[in-house]
Protein backbone atom coordinates (compact mmCIF):
# COMPACT_ATOMS: atom_id res chain seq x y z
CA MET A 1 60.41 -93.55 120.21
CA PRO A 2 62.84 -94.36 117.36
CA LEU A 3 66.31 -95.36 118.43
CA ASP A 4 68.71 -92.43 118.78
CA SER A 5 70.73 -92.29 115.55
CA ARG A 6 74.01 -92.04 117.45
CA LEU A 7 73.26 -95.23 119.38
CA ASP A 8 72.20 -96.89 116.15
CA GLU A 9 75.56 -96.01 114.59
CA ILE A 10 77.47 -97.40 117.59
CA THR A 11 75.48 -100.64 117.39
CA ASP A 12 76.17 -100.90 113.64
CA ARG A 13 79.91 -100.47 114.23
CA ILE A 14 79.90 -103.23 116.83
CA ARG A 15 77.81 -105.47 114.55
CA GLU A 16 80.16 -104.95 111.62
CA ARG A 17 83.29 -105.46 113.71
CA SER A 18 81.79 -108.62 115.25
CA HIS A 19 80.36 -110.09 112.05
CA GLU A 20 82.73 -112.99 111.51
CA GLY A 21 83.04 -113.99 115.16
CA ARG A 22 79.31 -113.67 115.83
CA ASP A 23 78.42 -115.66 112.72
CA ARG A 24 80.84 -118.42 113.68
CA TYR A 25 79.45 -118.48 117.22
CA LEU A 26 75.83 -118.69 116.07
CA ARG A 27 76.62 -121.51 113.63
CA ARG A 28 78.06 -123.51 116.52
CA MET A 29 75.04 -122.80 118.71
CA ARG A 30 72.54 -123.73 115.97
CA ALA A 31 74.38 -126.97 115.29
CA GLN A 32 74.17 -127.96 118.94
CA ALA A 33 70.53 -126.91 119.21
CA GLU A 34 69.61 -129.09 116.23
CA GLN A 35 70.69 -132.16 118.17
CA GLY A 36 67.47 -131.84 120.18
CA PRO A 37 66.93 -132.52 123.90
CA ARG A 38 70.25 -133.19 125.54
CA ARG A 39 69.24 -136.34 127.42
CA ALA A 40 68.46 -138.09 124.15
CA HIS A 41 72.18 -138.49 123.51
CA LEU A 42 72.99 -140.29 126.75
CA ASP A 43 73.07 -144.07 126.81
CA CYS A 44 71.30 -146.05 129.48
CA GLY A 45 74.30 -146.20 131.80
CA ASN A 46 74.84 -142.43 131.52
CA GLN A 47 71.22 -141.76 132.37
CA ALA A 48 71.10 -144.22 135.24
CA HIS A 49 73.98 -142.37 136.89
CA ALA A 50 72.35 -138.99 136.27
CA TYR A 51 68.97 -139.95 137.74
CA ALA A 52 69.93 -142.37 140.49
CA ALA A 53 68.90 -139.95 143.25
CA MET A 54 65.78 -138.63 141.48
CA GLU A 55 63.20 -140.77 143.27
CA GLY A 56 59.73 -140.52 141.76
CA GLN A 57 60.92 -138.65 138.67
CA LYS A 58 62.97 -141.23 136.79
CA ASP A 59 60.22 -142.17 134.36
CA ASP A 60 59.71 -138.56 133.30
CA LEU A 61 63.45 -138.02 132.88
CA THR A 62 64.05 -141.12 130.78
CA ALA A 63 61.04 -140.42 128.58
CA ASP A 64 62.22 -136.89 127.74
CA ARG A 65 58.64 -135.70 128.13
CA VAL A 66 59.29 -132.89 130.59
CA PRO A 67 61.99 -130.23 130.85
CA ASN A 68 64.84 -130.87 133.24
CA ILE A 69 66.28 -127.66 134.65
CA GLY A 70 69.90 -127.44 135.81
CA ILE A 71 70.83 -125.18 138.71
CA VAL A 72 74.32 -123.68 138.77
CA THR A 73 74.76 -122.12 142.19
CA ALA A 74 77.33 -119.84 143.78
CA TYR A 75 75.96 -120.46 147.27
CA ASN A 76 78.20 -120.12 150.26
CA ASP A 77 77.35 -118.70 153.66
CA MET A 78 80.42 -116.49 153.96
CA LEU A 79 79.12 -114.04 151.35
CA SER A 80 76.13 -112.11 152.63
CA ALA A 81 74.83 -111.77 149.06
CA HIS A 82 74.98 -115.51 148.43
CA ALA A 83 73.86 -116.84 151.81
CA PRO A 84 70.15 -116.54 150.83
CA TYR A 85 70.76 -119.12 148.09
CA TYR A 86 70.95 -121.84 150.78
CA ASP A 87 67.35 -122.98 150.30
CA TYR A 88 66.86 -121.89 146.68
CA PRO A 89 67.32 -125.40 145.21
CA THR A 90 64.55 -126.77 147.43
CA ARG A 91 62.26 -123.91 146.48
CA ILE A 92 63.11 -124.17 142.77
CA LYS A 93 62.53 -127.93 142.69
CA ALA A 94 59.12 -127.46 144.31
CA ALA A 95 58.16 -124.75 141.81
CA ALA A 96 59.32 -126.90 138.89
CA GLY A 97 57.38 -129.89 140.24
CA ARG A 98 54.15 -127.88 140.36
CA VAL A 99 54.31 -127.40 136.57
CA GLY A 100 55.38 -130.99 135.88
CA ALA A 101 59.09 -130.32 135.36
CA THR A 102 62.18 -131.74 137.01
CA CYS A 103 65.19 -129.95 138.39
CA GLN A 104 68.70 -130.87 139.54
CA VAL A 105 71.61 -128.96 141.04
CA ALA A 106 74.10 -129.26 138.20
CA GLY A 107 77.02 -127.98 140.22
CA GLY A 108 78.48 -125.22 142.30
CA VAL A 109 80.94 -122.48 141.44
CA PRO A 110 83.32 -120.64 143.78
CA ALA A 111 82.33 -117.21 145.00
CA MET A 112 84.90 -115.09 146.77
CA CYS A 113 84.21 -111.80 148.48
CA ASP A 114 86.32 -108.83 147.46
CA GLY A 115 85.29 -107.14 150.69
CA VAL A 116 87.06 -109.88 152.65
CA THR A 117 90.17 -109.95 150.46
CA GLN A 118 90.43 -106.18 149.94
CA GLY A 119 94.05 -105.22 150.56
CA GLN A 120 94.95 -108.85 151.27
CA VAL A 121 96.98 -111.39 149.28
CA GLY A 122 93.83 -113.30 148.36
CA MET A 123 92.70 -110.36 146.21
CA GLU A 124 95.31 -111.43 143.66
CA LEU A 125 93.03 -114.37 142.80
CA SER A 126 89.88 -112.27 142.58
CA LEU A 127 89.83 -111.38 138.90
CA PHE A 128 90.98 -114.85 137.89
CA SER A 129 88.08 -116.29 139.86
CA ARG A 130 85.80 -115.05 137.07
CA ASP A 131 87.42 -117.47 134.64
CA VAL A 132 87.42 -120.25 137.23
CA ILE A 133 83.68 -119.68 137.71
CA ALA A 134 83.11 -119.91 133.96
CA LEU A 135 85.11 -123.14 133.84
CA SER A 136 83.31 -124.57 136.86
CA ALA A 137 79.90 -123.80 135.38
CA GLY A 138 81.08 -125.45 132.17
CA VAL A 139 81.92 -128.61 134.10
CA ALA A 140 78.48 -128.52 135.77
CA LEU A 141 76.65 -128.26 132.45
CA SER A 142 78.89 -130.76 130.64
CA HIS A 143 76.73 -133.63 131.97
CA ASN A 144 74.46 -132.72 129.06
CA THR A 145 71.19 -133.60 130.78
CA PHE A 146 69.51 -130.18 130.95
CA ASP A 147 66.97 -128.35 128.82
CA ALA A 148 67.54 -124.96 130.51
CA ALA A 149 69.65 -123.53 133.31
CA LEU A 150 69.06 -121.28 136.29
CA TYR A 151 72.15 -119.33 137.32
CA LEU A 152 72.36 -118.32 140.98
CA GLY A 153 74.97 -115.60 141.43
CA ILE A 154 75.26 -111.99 142.51
CA CYS A 155 78.66 -110.51 143.19
CA ASP A 156 81.67 -109.08 141.47
CA LYS A 157 83.19 -111.91 139.39
CA ILE A 158 80.40 -114.43 139.81
CA VAL A 159 77.83 -112.97 137.42
CA PRO A 160 80.39 -112.24 134.66
CA GLY A 161 81.80 -115.78 134.98
CA LEU A 162 78.32 -117.28 134.84
CA VAL A 163 77.43 -115.16 131.80
CA ILE A 164 80.56 -116.39 130.01
CA ALA A 165 79.45 -119.96 130.73
CA ALA A 166 75.83 -119.25 129.75
CA ALA A 167 77.04 -117.81 126.44
CA THR A 168 79.33 -120.79 125.85
CA PHE A 169 76.32 -123.07 126.39
CA GLY A 170 74.26 -120.56 124.46
CA TYR A 171 71.97 -123.13 122.83
CA LEU A 172 70.46 -123.64 126.31
CA PRO A 173 67.91 -121.16 127.63
CA GLY A 174 69.03 -119.54 130.86
CA ILE A 175 67.70 -117.19 133.52
CA PHE A 176 69.73 -115.45 136.23
CA VAL A 177 68.07 -115.58 139.64
CA PRO A 178 69.10 -112.85 142.12
CA ALA A 179 68.75 -112.79 145.89
CA GLY A 180 68.49 -109.04 146.47
CA PRO A 181 70.24 -106.43 148.64
CA MET A 182 70.45 -106.38 152.43
CA THR A 183 68.29 -103.81 154.16
CA SER A 184 69.85 -100.39 154.70
CA GLY A 185 72.31 -100.03 157.57
CA LEU A 186 74.80 -97.32 158.46
CA PRO A 187 74.68 -94.72 155.66
CA ASN A 188 77.50 -95.14 153.16
CA ASP A 189 78.73 -91.54 153.51
CA GLU A 190 79.03 -92.05 157.28
CA LYS A 191 81.00 -95.27 156.71
CA ALA A 192 83.34 -93.38 154.34
CA ARG A 193 83.82 -90.62 156.93
CA VAL A 194 84.84 -93.16 159.57
CA ARG A 195 87.30 -94.77 157.16
CA ARG A 196 88.93 -91.39 156.46
CA GLU A 197 89.22 -90.66 160.17
CA PHE A 198 90.83 -94.05 160.75
CA ALA A 199 93.33 -93.35 157.96
CA GLU A 200 94.24 -90.08 159.71
CA GLY A 201 94.56 -91.82 163.09
CA LYS A 202 91.61 -89.92 164.59
CA ILE A 203 89.72 -93.05 165.64
CA ASP A 204 90.92 -96.49 166.69
CA ARG A 205 90.25 -99.88 165.13
CA LYS A 206 87.36 -100.53 167.54
CA GLY A 207 85.53 -97.48 166.18
CA LEU A 208 86.26 -98.55 162.60
CA MET A 209 84.98 -102.07 163.27
CA ALA A 210 81.75 -100.77 164.78
CA ALA A 211 81.05 -98.68 161.68
CA GLU A 212 81.86 -101.52 159.28
CA MET A 213 79.64 -103.99 161.14
CA ALA A 214 76.77 -101.49 161.17
CA SER A 215 77.12 -101.09 157.42
CA TYR A 216 77.50 -104.76 156.45
CA HIS A 217 74.94 -106.19 158.83
CA GLY A 218 72.78 -108.91 157.30
CA PRO A 219 72.01 -111.24 154.38
CA GLY A 220 71.93 -109.73 150.91
CA THR A 221 74.10 -107.68 148.61
CA CYS A 222 76.04 -104.72 150.04
CA THR A 223 73.88 -101.65 149.55
CA PHE A 224 76.33 -99.30 147.83
CA TYR A 225 76.34 -99.19 144.02
CA GLY A 226 79.48 -101.22 143.44
CA THR A 227 80.15 -104.10 141.09
CA ALA A 228 77.66 -106.54 142.64
CA ASN A 229 74.69 -104.22 142.24
CA SER A 230 75.96 -103.04 138.84
CA ASN A 231 75.83 -106.73 137.85
CA GLN A 232 72.20 -106.92 138.89
CA MET A 233 71.35 -103.81 136.89
CA LEU A 234 73.13 -105.33 133.90
CA MET A 235 71.13 -108.55 134.01
CA GLU A 236 67.90 -106.57 133.72
CA PHE A 237 69.10 -104.23 130.98
CA MET A 238 70.34 -107.28 129.05
CA GLY A 239 67.18 -109.33 129.57
CA LEU A 240 68.55 -112.20 131.65
CA HIS A 241 66.54 -111.52 134.84
CA LEU A 242 62.82 -111.41 135.21
CA PRO A 243 61.67 -107.75 135.17
CA GLY A 244 62.11 -105.89 138.43
CA ALA A 245 63.89 -108.78 140.14
CA SER A 246 67.20 -107.13 141.01
CA PHE A 247 66.61 -105.11 144.15
CA VAL A 248 63.89 -106.94 146.11
CA ASN A 249 65.20 -107.74 149.60
CA PRO A 250 65.89 -111.36 150.63
CA GLY A 251 63.42 -113.26 152.78
CA THR A 252 60.35 -111.37 151.56
CA PRO A 253 57.24 -112.89 149.94
CA LEU A 254 57.92 -110.97 146.72
CA ARG A 255 61.48 -112.31 146.58
CA ASP A 256 60.19 -115.88 146.93
CA ALA A 257 57.50 -115.33 144.30
CA LEU A 258 60.07 -114.02 141.82
CA THR A 259 62.25 -117.10 142.35
CA ASP A 260 59.24 -119.34 141.70
CA ALA A 261 58.36 -117.34 138.59
CA ALA A 262 61.90 -117.59 137.21
CA THR A 263 61.69 -121.36 137.60
CA VAL A 264 58.38 -121.58 135.77
CA ARG A 265 59.64 -119.32 133.02
CA ALA A 266 62.70 -121.51 132.54
CA THR A 267 60.42 -124.49 131.92
CA GLN A 268 58.52 -122.51 129.27
CA ILE A 269 61.46 -121.45 127.10
CA THR A 270 63.12 -124.81 126.47
CA ALA A 271 63.30 -126.47 123.06
CA LEU A 272 60.57 -128.87 124.24
CA GLY A 273 57.97 -126.09 124.01
CA ASN A 274 56.87 -123.38 121.60
CA ASP A 275 58.78 -120.45 123.08
CA TYR A 276 62.39 -121.64 122.74
CA THR A 277 64.65 -118.76 123.83
CA PRO A 278 68.31 -119.79 123.97
CA VAL A 279 70.83 -117.49 125.61
CA CYS A 280 72.67 -117.09 122.28
CA ASP A 281 69.66 -115.22 120.90
CA VAL A 282 69.40 -112.98 123.97
CA LEU A 283 73.08 -111.97 124.06
CA ASP A 284 73.51 -110.16 120.75
CA GLU A 285 75.13 -106.79 120.04
CA ARG A 286 71.91 -104.91 120.89
CA ALA A 287 71.77 -106.51 124.35
CA PHE A 288 75.36 -105.49 125.05
CA VAL A 289 74.69 -101.93 123.90
CA ASN A 290 71.70 -101.88 126.27
CA GLY A 291 74.02 -103.04 129.03
CA LEU A 292 76.46 -100.24 128.23
CA VAL A 293 73.65 -97.69 128.36
CA GLY A 294 72.55 -99.02 131.74
CA LEU A 295 76.11 -98.82 133.03
CA MET A 296 76.47 -95.19 131.95
CA ALA A 297 72.99 -94.03 132.99
CA THR A 298 73.45 -95.41 136.50
CA GLY A 299 77.14 -94.52 136.98
CA GLY A 300 78.04 -98.17 137.47
CA SER A 301 81.21 -100.02 138.33
CA THR A 302 84.48 -99.65 136.43
CA ASN A 303 84.96 -103.41 136.77
CA LEU A 304 82.25 -103.89 134.16
CA VAL A 305 84.59 -102.41 131.57
CA LEU A 306 86.66 -105.57 131.94
CA HIS A 307 83.77 -107.95 132.39
CA LEU A 308 81.50 -106.75 129.57
CA ILE A 309 84.32 -107.12 127.04
CA ALA A 310 84.98 -110.70 128.21
CA MET A 311 81.27 -111.58 128.36
CA ALA A 312 80.66 -110.20 124.89
CA ARG A 313 83.52 -112.16 123.35
CA ALA A 314 82.06 -115.37 124.76
CA ALA A 315 78.96 -114.56 122.66
CA GLY A 316 80.93 -113.64 119.54
CA VAL A 317 80.51 -109.88 120.06
CA HIS A 318 83.63 -107.70 119.89
CA LEU A 319 83.40 -104.75 122.28
CA THR A 320 86.23 -102.25 122.73
CA CYS A 321 86.95 -99.50 125.22
CA GLU A 322 86.01 -97.00 122.50
CA ASP A 323 82.46 -98.37 122.61
CA PHE A 324 82.19 -97.53 126.31
CA ASP A 325 83.35 -93.99 125.63
CA ALA A 326 80.99 -93.56 122.67
CA VAL A 327 77.97 -94.82 124.61
CA SER A 328 78.91 -92.64 127.57
CA ASP A 329 78.90 -89.58 125.30
CA VAL A 330 75.25 -90.14 124.31
CA THR A 331 73.88 -91.42 127.65
CA PRO A 332 72.77 -89.03 130.40
CA LEU A 333 73.60 -89.84 134.02
CA MET A 334 70.15 -90.34 135.55
CA ALA A 335 71.00 -91.76 138.98
CA ARG A 336 72.88 -90.68 142.07
CA VAL A 337 73.62 -93.76 144.18
CA TYR A 338 76.61 -94.04 146.50
CA PRO A 339 79.48 -93.45 145.77
CA ASN A 340 78.23 -90.83 143.31
CA GLY A 341 75.43 -89.80 145.68
CA LEU A 342 74.17 -90.37 149.22
CA ALA A 343 71.42 -92.90 148.41
CA ASP A 344 71.88 -96.66 148.59
CA VAL A 345 70.28 -99.21 146.25
CA ASN A 346 67.24 -99.61 148.50
CA HIS A 347 66.58 -95.86 148.23
CA PHE A 348 67.19 -96.09 144.47
CA HIS A 349 64.69 -98.94 144.16
CA ALA A 350 62.10 -97.05 146.22
CA ALA A 351 62.53 -93.94 144.06
CA GLY A 352 61.52 -95.88 140.95
CA GLY A 353 64.60 -97.97 140.29
CA LEU A 354 65.25 -99.94 137.15
CA PRO A 355 61.64 -100.04 135.83
CA TYR A 356 61.61 -96.22 135.88
CA MET A 357 65.03 -95.93 134.24
CA ILE A 358 64.38 -98.49 131.51
CA GLY A 359 61.00 -96.96 130.70
CA ARG A 360 62.33 -93.44 130.42
CA LEU A 361 65.41 -94.47 128.43
CA LEU A 362 63.17 -96.36 125.99
CA GLU A 363 61.01 -93.26 125.61
CA ALA A 364 64.15 -91.23 124.87
CA GLY A 365 65.26 -93.69 122.18
CA LEU A 366 68.33 -94.70 124.18
CA LEU A 367 67.70 -98.45 124.40
CA HIS A 368 67.01 -101.22 121.90
CA ASP A 369 63.51 -102.55 122.57
CA ASP A 370 63.66 -105.06 119.70
CA VAL A 371 65.68 -107.64 121.62
CA LYS A 372 64.93 -111.13 122.83
CA THR A 373 64.77 -111.52 126.58
CA ALA A 374 64.33 -114.35 129.02
CA ALA A 375 61.00 -112.83 130.02
CA GLY A 376 59.78 -112.37 126.44
CA GLY A 377 58.22 -109.25 124.99
CA GLY A 378 61.33 -107.20 124.28
CA LEU A 379 63.00 -104.78 126.68
CA SER A 380 59.78 -102.84 127.26
CA ALA A 381 58.74 -105.72 129.53
CA TYR A 382 61.48 -104.50 131.88
CA ALA A 383 59.76 -101.14 132.30
CA THR A 384 57.29 -102.98 134.52
CA GLU A 385 57.49 -103.86 138.19
CA PRO A 386 56.34 -107.02 139.98
CA LYS A 387 53.63 -106.90 142.61
CA LEU A 388 51.94 -109.47 144.81
CA ASP A 389 48.18 -109.70 145.30
CA GLY A 390 47.94 -112.38 147.94
CA ASP A 391 49.86 -115.27 146.38
CA ASP A 392 49.42 -114.00 142.81
CA LEU A 393 52.42 -112.35 141.13
CA SER A 394 51.83 -109.93 138.28
CA TRP A 395 53.67 -107.12 136.53
CA HIS A 396 52.42 -103.56 136.23
CA PRO A 397 53.75 -100.43 134.47
CA GLY A 398 56.65 -98.92 136.37
CA PRO A 399 56.54 -95.34 137.61
CA ARG A 400 56.89 -92.60 135.01
CA ASP A 401 57.88 -90.01 137.58
CA SER A 402 60.81 -90.17 139.95
CA LEU A 403 59.77 -90.37 143.56
CA ASN A 404 62.98 -88.56 144.59
CA ASP A 405 64.74 -86.29 142.13
CA LYS A 406 67.86 -86.26 144.30
CA ILE A 407 68.26 -89.94 143.35
CA LEU A 408 66.59 -90.34 139.95
CA ARG A 409 66.00 -87.88 137.13
CA THR A 410 64.75 -87.94 133.56
CA PRO A 411 66.99 -88.19 130.48
CA ALA A 412 65.97 -84.60 129.67
CA ASP A 413 67.02 -83.29 133.09
CA PRO A 414 69.91 -85.54 134.16
CA PHE A 415 72.56 -85.10 136.81
CA GLN A 416 75.03 -84.71 133.98
CA ALA A 417 74.65 -84.84 130.21
CA THR A 418 77.00 -87.78 129.68
CA GLY A 419 77.54 -91.10 131.39
CA GLY A 420 79.73 -92.24 134.22
CA LEU A 421 82.88 -93.53 132.44
CA LYS A 422 85.54 -91.88 130.30
CA GLU A 423 88.22 -93.46 128.15
CA LEU A 424 91.70 -91.95 128.47
CA ARG A 425 94.37 -92.36 125.77
CA GLY A 426 97.87 -90.99 125.52
CA ASP A 427 101.53 -91.88 125.57
CA LEU A 428 100.98 -93.66 128.90
CA GLY A 429 98.55 -96.00 127.14
CA LEU A 430 94.83 -96.67 127.45
CA GLY A 431 92.90 -96.29 130.70
CA VAL A 432 89.42 -95.51 132.00
CA MET A 433 88.09 -93.17 134.67
CA LYS A 434 84.82 -93.27 136.57
CA VAL A 435 83.87 -89.60 136.36
CA SER A 436 80.32 -89.78 137.71
CA ALA A 437 81.47 -89.21 141.31
CA VAL A 438 84.41 -86.89 140.56
CA ASP A 439 83.96 -83.14 140.92
CA PRO A 440 84.40 -81.47 137.50
CA SER A 441 87.10 -79.24 138.99
CA LEU A 442 89.21 -82.39 139.36
CA HIS A 443 88.73 -83.75 135.85
CA VAL A 444 92.15 -82.38 134.86
CA ILE A 445 95.11 -83.02 137.17
CA GLU A 446 98.71 -82.19 136.20
CA ALA A 447 101.34 -82.81 138.86
CA PRO A 448 104.63 -84.57 139.61
CA ALA A 449 104.37 -88.32 139.97
CA ALA A 450 105.04 -90.37 143.10
CA VAL A 451 105.68 -93.91 141.87
CA PHE A 452 104.96 -97.05 143.92
CA GLU A 453 104.95 -100.81 143.38
CA GLY A 454 101.97 -101.54 145.65
CA GLN A 455 99.24 -99.93 147.72
CA GLN A 456 100.90 -100.55 151.10
CA ALA A 457 103.83 -98.39 150.00
CA VAL A 458 101.37 -95.59 149.24
CA LYS A 459 99.83 -95.89 152.70
CA ASP A 460 103.27 -95.81 154.29
CA ALA A 461 104.20 -92.66 152.34
CA PHE A 462 100.94 -91.05 153.40
CA LYS A 463 101.57 -91.80 157.07
CA ALA A 464 105.09 -90.38 156.74
CA GLY A 465 103.68 -87.10 155.34
CA ALA A 466 105.43 -87.58 151.97
CA LEU A 467 102.25 -87.02 149.92
CA ASN A 468 101.09 -83.69 151.35
CA ARG A 469 101.24 -81.90 147.99
CA ASP A 470 99.75 -81.88 144.52
CA VAL A 471 100.63 -85.33 143.23
CA VAL A 472 99.78 -88.03 140.72
CA VAL A 473 100.14 -91.30 142.62
CA VAL A 474 101.30 -94.04 140.23
CA VAL A 475 100.86 -97.66 141.37
CA ARG A 476 102.25 -100.12 138.83
CA HIS A 477 102.86 -103.85 138.44
CA GLN A 478 99.24 -104.34 139.44
CA GLY A 479 98.00 -105.62 136.08
CA PRO A 480 96.68 -109.09 135.29
CA ARG A 481 100.01 -110.43 134.06
CA ALA A 482 101.94 -109.13 137.09
CA ASN A 483 99.79 -110.12 140.05
CA GLY A 484 96.27 -110.85 138.82
CA MET A 485 95.07 -107.22 138.89
CA PRO A 486 93.81 -106.85 142.47
CA GLU A 487 91.56 -103.94 143.37
CA LEU A 488 93.28 -101.04 145.09
CA HIS A 489 90.23 -99.83 146.95
CA GLY A 490 92.31 -99.45 150.11
CA LEU A 491 93.84 -96.33 148.58
CA THR A 492 90.55 -94.46 148.47
CA PRO A 493 90.54 -93.24 152.11
CA VAL A 494 94.11 -91.88 152.08
CA LEU A 495 93.75 -90.19 148.68
CA SER A 496 90.42 -88.72 149.79
CA VAL A 497 92.13 -87.21 152.82
CA LEU A 498 94.70 -85.54 150.54
CA LEU A 499 91.87 -84.06 148.47
CA GLN A 500 90.19 -82.77 151.63
CA ARG A 501 93.44 -81.05 152.59
CA GLY A 502 93.21 -79.02 149.37
CA HIS A 503 95.77 -80.90 147.28
CA ARG A 504 95.16 -81.76 143.65
CA VAL A 505 95.54 -85.52 143.53
CA ALA A 506 95.00 -88.28 140.96
CA LEU A 507 95.78 -91.98 140.75
CA VAL A 508 97.25 -93.76 137.72
CA THR A 509 97.50 -97.56 137.84
CA ASP A 510 97.51 -100.68 135.72
CA GLY A 511 95.41 -102.26 138.48
CA ARG A 512 91.74 -102.00 139.33
CA MET A 513 89.69 -99.86 141.68
CA SER A 514 86.49 -101.11 143.25
CA GLY A 515 83.07 -100.33 141.89
CA ALA A 516 82.71 -98.44 145.16
CA SER A 517 85.52 -96.04 144.27
CA GLY A 518 84.47 -92.49 144.78
CA LYS A 519 85.65 -88.94 144.44
CA VAL A 520 89.34 -89.42 143.59
CA PRO A 521 90.14 -89.01 139.86
CA ALA A 522 91.66 -92.38 138.97
CA ALA A 523 93.02 -93.50 135.61
CA ILE A 524 92.81 -97.26 136.01
CA HIS A 525 93.24 -100.45 133.93
CA VAL A 526 96.17 -98.77 132.15
CA ALA A 527 97.25 -100.90 129.19
CA PRO A 528 99.79 -102.00 128.25
CA GLU A 529 100.52 -102.80 131.87
CA ALA A 530 104.03 -102.42 133.29
CA ALA A 531 104.67 -106.19 133.11
CA ALA A 532 103.80 -106.13 129.39
CA GLY A 533 106.20 -103.28 128.57
CA GLY A 534 103.86 -100.35 129.13
CA LEU A 535 105.33 -96.89 129.61
CA ILE A 536 103.95 -96.82 133.15
CA GLY A 537 106.84 -99.15 133.97
CA ARG A 538 109.36 -96.45 133.01
CA LEU A 539 107.99 -93.60 135.11
CA ARG A 540 110.06 -92.16 137.95
CA ASP A 541 109.30 -89.93 140.91
CA GLY A 542 108.95 -86.33 139.78
CA ASP A 543 107.90 -87.01 136.19
CA VAL A 544 105.04 -84.66 135.35
CA VAL A 545 101.86 -86.60 134.50
CA ARG A 546 98.64 -85.14 133.11
CA VAL A 547 95.33 -86.90 133.69
CA ASP A 548 92.70 -85.16 131.58
CA ALA A 549 89.18 -86.58 131.70
CA THR A 550 87.85 -83.60 129.73
CA ALA A 551 89.98 -84.26 126.64
CA GLY A 552 90.29 -87.99 127.34
CA ARG A 553 94.09 -87.90 127.64
CA LEU A 554 96.67 -89.70 129.78
CA ASP A 555 100.18 -88.35 129.20
CA VAL A 556 103.61 -87.94 130.74
CA LEU A 557 104.99 -84.48 129.97
CA THR A 558 108.57 -85.16 131.00
CA PRO A 559 110.70 -85.93 127.92
CA GLY A 560 112.80 -89.06 127.44
CA VAL A 561 110.70 -91.46 129.53
CA ALA A 562 110.39 -93.98 126.69
CA ASP A 563 114.18 -94.26 126.45
CA ARG A 564 114.62 -95.50 130.01
CA GLU A 565 114.95 -99.09 131.16
CA PRO A 566 111.72 -100.41 132.70
CA ALA A 567 111.54 -100.81 136.45
CA PRO A 568 112.32 -104.39 137.47
CA PHE A 569 109.57 -106.70 138.63
CA ASP A 570 110.19 -109.79 140.71
CA PRO A 571 107.75 -112.48 139.50
CA ASP A 572 108.43 -114.52 142.62
CA SER A 573 106.93 -111.74 144.72
CA ASN A 574 103.43 -113.02 143.98
CA ALA A 575 104.10 -116.63 143.01
CA PHE A 576 103.37 -118.42 146.27
CA GLY A 577 100.94 -118.39 149.17
CA LEU A 578 97.15 -118.65 149.49
CA GLY A 579 96.94 -120.68 146.30
CA ARG A 580 98.74 -118.21 144.04
CA GLU A 581 101.12 -120.96 142.90
CA MET A 582 98.17 -122.71 141.23
CA PHE A 583 97.45 -119.64 139.11
CA ALA A 584 100.83 -119.29 137.40
CA ALA A 585 99.32 -120.48 134.12
CA PHE A 586 96.64 -117.80 134.40
CA ARG A 587 99.17 -115.00 134.88
CA ALA A 588 101.23 -116.30 131.96
CA ASN A 589 98.30 -116.51 129.54
CA VAL A 590 95.93 -113.72 130.55
CA GLY A 591 95.03 -111.05 128.03
CA GLY A 592 95.37 -107.32 128.60
CA SER A 593 92.79 -105.25 130.43
CA ASP A 594 91.75 -103.68 127.12
CA THR A 595 90.58 -107.12 125.94
CA GLY A 596 88.83 -108.05 129.18
CA ALA A 597 91.81 -109.52 131.08
CA ALA A 598 90.49 -112.94 130.10
CA VAL A 599 92.05 -116.39 130.18
CA VAL A 600 89.28 -118.66 128.88
CA VAL A 601 87.82 -116.56 126.05
């Protein structure tokens, strides 16, 4: 099927806008690639240090005859999604050895869990951890001894940070190796119900804890369709995984076989062979448009609005919020996965999953097939699914029919005609809304504002009964320059209760909401943020605010707001404690949310 002309026009606009930056980036990558195998540039002392522990493989390494694969790992055993990576290096080294290659752990990167820090002070480091991860991966690869890299990461900031690093070292081939989701536990809608009842005081903390532990119960990614699983979708749509790798559960024979296959493939695409596939050639404007389509078709995480812009700029591609809106307008919403449905990612995978979606979107002309991928063969290779026959792994055509039309539908008969995200612009600035889970009757909210400086103040007002009315809750000084842009996911239960009571409620904030955010209309990532002089910093209680996802508007209707003095912000309020003092330079130099809230790119 020819590419949809509207998607072709969007891609051309991005290509034209990115021309100078992309050309400059590719010239740098080509120049580094022309230097040949990296180990050739190390002197004898450098190499002796690099290979001192590589017993039995030193001759191969010094002769440059075989590829040496670097592992960059985000393993820790506090994150359920990353705990399975514990024995991946051993497995990867064995798989590389079977095809005559060598492999070393290049380095580790930090991986924090937003679920642990949600509503806590540590969340103020969460977004900045993406840039720290990129920097850490850069340090790992700076030893300059590798012919390709395997990136082991799953969750919210880890994959975007690793992609930024992979693009920066774009002359190296790279494959992202997932670990898969945990098996299904307590249904996500039941977990949300318990959280609402706790917010209303109907159950105690013991009951809440029991529900949470039944939901998050084992190794693997959390099963709702938040940022972590949106990341995994993205890596397939952008050709950095092996096909069908995202949602295979940990500890299964198929999961192990896919890890082995990723290792072998990494050895095949180095500059030492005939199928050289550097990351810089994979991550072009077509790959990012494919990622945007995947995000919209699945109703993915709002956090990817920030991350995709930052990832693209690392590859010389200039994405804007307008591109998200334009792609959303032409992409049908094909999936219902919690929070915009009852299914979890295991149900989604069983219903046909990513092979089904990619195949049908290609047939509809809504994806670029003519891209380079880590697997080879263009994006159509990702319309296949892996299967094991004994010990033999092979790929077969994915399903053409959904196995559950309550979870997956065709582009011709979608859940809604347009994608999951909407850009909002107005005199309050630029924001985005995840509309895929929001009832259409709530797409336009006009009400007096209740203005707060943090989410705890909102919870306190809720408990005091001060929000039992139609209201636009404004939470400001939550942007990257103010306090690192923590997620405000803790507001979801209390705002959901207000909706259930029949009030018309919306949220406006210069902060973030989790990829798990659900049914509350929320204008988030508002830029300019309050700390950068945005009008959100001049709002007062009672100002009438209109949040209009239908027209794409975000406005204050009360006159004279721009003439007021901005609300004061105490920079010392977030300067110290839990390492925040070390991130002062990040807060001082971070870009706005509309440019990816980035420090290092």
